[in-house]
Amino acid sequence: MEQTKTADVREARREEWRRIIAEQQGCGQSTAAYCRERGIPLRKYSYWRKALNPAEADAVPRGFVELRPARRASGVCVEAGRWLVRVEPGFDAATLLRALEALAAS
């Protein structure tokens, strides 16, 4: 009899937290604002949200992620007076020549 009572209390608690979580998700407020207004500790809310939806908790990336800067193609950069011309590999020589002629004329 005691085990049944304990199980009923546990299930009632889970149902109450399901209701709280559904209400928060439907109200449009941030979790922090919702919890603050209702005096719910944010850590407790987070615990129950993860406990009731373990798939959501697993979707959160954990650990470190290696970030690498974008590799830049090596090219040539020439500065002449107020002009800076950067030429990357695969440039079109004819276009560069026209650009330099236009710069020289100005």
C-alpha atoms as a PDB file:
ATOM      1  CA  MET A   1       0.000   0.000   0.000  1.00  0.00           C
ATOM      2  CA  GLU A   2       2.834   2.411   0.897  1.00  0.00           C
ATOM      3  CA  GLN A   3       4.577   1.820  -2.466  1.00  0.00           C
ATOM      4  CA  THR A   4       1.396   2.639  -4.355  1.00  0.00           C
ATOM      5  CA  LYS A   5       0.996   5.881  -2.397  1.00  0.00           C
ATOM      6  CA  THR A   6       4.619   6.859  -3.083  1.00  0.00           C
ATOM      7  CA  ALA A   7       4.225   6.053  -6.790  1.00  0.00           C
ATOM      8  CA  ASP A   8       1.032   8.134  -6.929  1.00  0.00           C
ATOM      9  CA  VAL A   9       2.769  11.101  -5.301  1.00  0.00           C
ATOM     10  CA  ARG A  10       5.691  10.773  -7.725  1.00  0.00           C
ATOM     11  CA  GLU A  11       3.369  10.640 -10.739  1.00  0.00           C
ATOM     12  CA  ALA A  12       1.377  13.631  -9.464  1.00  0.00           C
ATOM     13  CA  ARG A  13       4.624  15.597  -9.148  1.00  0.00           C
ATOM     14  CA  ARG A  14       5.626  14.638 -12.703  1.00  0.00           C
ATOM     15  CA  GLU A  15       2.215  15.693 -14.026  1.00  0.00           C
ATOM     16  CA  GLU A  16       2.466  19.036 -12.232  1.00  0.00           C
ATOM     17  CA  TRP A  17       5.872  19.676 -13.810  1.00  0.00           C
ATOM     18  CA  ARG A  18       4.590  18.639 -17.242  1.00  0.00           C
ATOM     19  CA  ARG A  19       1.840  21.251 -16.821  1.00  0.00           C
ATOM     20  CA  ILE A  20       4.326  23.936 -15.684  1.00  0.00           C
ATOM     21  CA  ILE A  21       6.683  23.230 -18.594  1.00  0.00           C
ATOM     22  CA  ALA A  22       3.851  23.225 -21.151  1.00  0.00           C
ATOM     23  CA  GLU A  23       2.535  26.511 -19.734  1.00  0.00           C
ATOM     24  CA  GLN A  24       5.971  28.150 -19.967  1.00  0.00           C
ATOM     25  CA  GLN A  25       6.504  26.959 -23.531  1.00  0.00           C
ATOM     26  CA  GLY A  26       3.119  28.305 -24.580  1.00  0.00           C
ATOM     27  CA  CYS A  27       3.221  31.668 -22.813  1.00  0.00           C
ATOM     28  CA  GLY A  28       5.861  33.416 -24.942  1.00  0.00           C
ATOM     29  CA  GLN A  29       8.031  34.401 -21.979  1.00  0.00           C
ATOM     30  CA  SER A  30      11.620  33.373 -21.567  1.00  0.00           C
ATOM     31  CA  THR A  31      12.202  30.547 -19.128  1.00  0.00           C
ATOM     32  CA  ALA A  32      14.012  32.881 -16.747  1.00  0.00           C
ATOM     33  CA  ALA A  33      11.195  35.461 -16.727  1.00  0.00           C
ATOM     34  CA  TYR A  34       8.516  32.795 -16.302  1.00  0.00           C
ATOM     35  CA  CYS A  35      10.323  31.197 -13.356  1.00  0.00           C
ATOM     36  CA  ARG A  36      11.125  34.547 -11.741  1.00  0.00           C
ATOM     37  CA  GLU A  37       7.457  35.661 -11.856  1.00  0.00           C
ATOM     38  CA  ARG A  38       6.269  32.425 -10.284  1.00  0.00           C
ATOM     39  CA  GLY A  39       9.052  31.965  -7.742  1.00  0.00           C
ATOM     40  CA  ILE A  40      10.265  28.763  -9.373  1.00  0.00           C
ATOM     41  CA  PRO A  41      13.995  28.112  -9.030  1.00  0.00           C
ATOM     42  CA  LEU A  42      15.439  28.057 -12.542  1.00  0.00           C
ATOM     43  CA  ARG A  43      17.652  25.083 -11.698  1.00  0.00           C
ATOM     44  CA  LYS A  44      14.614  23.079 -10.578  1.00  0.00           C
ATOM     45  CA  TYR A  45      12.731  23.960 -13.761  1.00  0.00           C
ATOM     46  CA  SER A  46      15.714  22.925 -15.877  1.00  0.00           C
ATOM     47  CA  TYR A  47      16.062  19.667 -13.961  1.00  0.00           C
ATOM     48  CA  TRP A  48      12.444  18.702 -14.556  1.00  0.00           C
ATOM     49  CA  ARG A  49      12.462  19.753 -18.203  1.00  0.00           C
ATOM     50  CA  LYS A  50      15.447  17.458 -18.832  1.00  0.00           C
ATOM     51  CA  ALA A  51      14.064  14.677 -16.651  1.00  0.00           C
ATOM     52  CA  LEU A  52      10.737  14.664 -18.487  1.00  0.00           C
ATOM     53  CA  ASN A  53      12.265  14.995 -21.962  1.00  0.00           C
ATOM     54  CA  PRO A  54      15.604  13.160 -22.056  1.00  0.00           C
ATOM     55  CA  ALA A  55      15.723  13.357 -25.871  1.00  0.00           C
ATOM     56  CA  GLU A  56      15.896  17.159 -25.595  1.00  0.00           C
ATOM     57  CA  ALA A  57      18.737  16.931 -23.088  1.00  0.00           C
ATOM     58  CA  ASP A  58      20.666  14.633 -25.447  1.00  0.00           C
ATOM     59  CA  ALA A  59      20.233  17.105 -28.306  1.00  0.00           C
ATOM     60  CA  VAL A  60      22.349  19.685 -26.489  1.00  0.00           C
ATOM     61  CA  PRO A  61      25.938  19.476 -27.705  1.00  0.00           C
ATOM     62  CA  ARG A  62      28.451  18.729 -24.991  1.00  0.00           C
ATOM     63  CA  GLY A  63      32.199  19.069 -24.823  1.00  0.00           C
ATOM     64  CA  PHE A  64      34.548  21.042 -26.979  1.00  0.00           C
ATOM     65  CA  VAL A  65      34.248  21.935 -30.633  1.00  0.00           C
ATOM     66  CA  GLU A  66      37.342  22.736 -32.627  1.00  0.00           C
ATOM     67  CA  LEU A  67      37.054  26.032 -34.464  1.00  0.00           C
ATOM     68  CA  ARG A  68      39.418  26.769 -37.296  1.00  0.00           C
ATOM     69  CA  PRO A  69      39.756  30.114 -39.024  1.00  0.00           C
ATOM     70  CA  ALA A  70      38.802  30.177 -42.675  1.00  0.00           C
ATOM     71  CA  ARG A  71      41.783  29.444 -44.826  1.00  0.00           C
ATOM     72  CA  ARG A  72      42.727  32.389 -46.943  1.00  0.00           C
ATOM     73  CA  ALA A  73      44.275  31.869 -50.298  1.00  0.00           C
ATOM     74  CA  SER A  74      47.773  33.194 -50.502  1.00  0.00           C
ATOM     75  CA  GLY A  75      48.018  36.066 -52.902  1.00  0.00           C
ATOM     76  CA  VAL A  76      49.899  39.260 -53.531  1.00  0.00           C
ATOM     77  CA  CYS A  77      49.135  42.617 -51.996  1.00  0.00           C
ATOM     78  CA  VAL A  78      50.685  45.775 -53.465  1.00  0.00           C
ATOM     79  CA  GLU A  79      50.386  49.219 -51.913  1.00  0.00           C
ATOM     80  CA  ALA A  80      51.169  52.280 -54.036  1.00  0.00           C
ATOM     81  CA  GLY A  81      50.355  55.667 -52.540  1.00  0.00           C
ATOM     82  CA  ARG A  82      46.730  55.625 -51.488  1.00  0.00           C
ATOM     83  CA  TRP A  83      45.951  52.440 -53.416  1.00  0.00           C
ATOM     84  CA  LEU A  84      46.077  48.903 -52.148  1.00  0.00           C
ATOM     85  CA  VAL A  85      45.691  46.165 -54.731  1.00  0.00           C
ATOM     86  CA  ARG A  86      45.187  42.583 -53.585  1.00  0.00           C
ATOM     87  CA  VAL A  87      45.544  39.838 -56.160  1.00  0.00           C
ATOM     88  CA  GLU A  88      44.431  36.319 -55.262  1.00  0.00           C
ATOM     89  CA  PRO A  89      45.385  33.149 -57.111  1.00  0.00           C
ATOM     90  CA  GLY A  90      43.346  32.703 -60.273  1.00  0.00           C
ATOM     91  CA  PHE A  91      43.009  36.446 -60.948  1.00  0.00           C
ATOM     92  CA  ASP A  92      42.268  37.667 -64.470  1.00  0.00           C
ATOM     93  CA  ALA A  93      45.376  39.495 -65.727  1.00  0.00           C
ATOM     94  CA  ALA A  94      43.423  41.585 -68.266  1.00  0.00           C
ATOM     95  CA  THR A  95      41.061  42.850 -65.565  1.00  0.00           C
ATOM     96  CA  LEU A  96      43.987  43.682 -63.281  1.00  0.00           C
ATOM     97  CA  LEU A  97      45.704  45.621 -66.114  1.00  0.00           C
ATOM     98  CA  ARG A  98      42.528  47.671 -66.790  1.00  0.00           C
ATOM     99  CA  ALA A  99      42.163  48.394 -63.051  1.00  0.00           C
ATOM    100  CA  LEU A 100      45.777  49.554 -62.777  1.00  0.00           C
ATOM    101  CA  GLU A 101      45.404  51.763 -65.862  1.00  0.00           C
ATOM    102  CA  ALA A 102      42.262  53.310 -64.351  1.00  0.00           C
ATOM    103  CA  LEU A 103      44.106  53.952 -61.078  1.00  0.00           C
ATOM    104  CA  ALA A 104      47.046  55.516 -62.879  1.00  0.00           C
ATOM    105  CA  ALA A 105      44.734  57.853 -64.797  1.00  0.00           C
ATOM    106  CA  SER A 106      43.030  59.176 -61.677  1.00  0.00           C
END
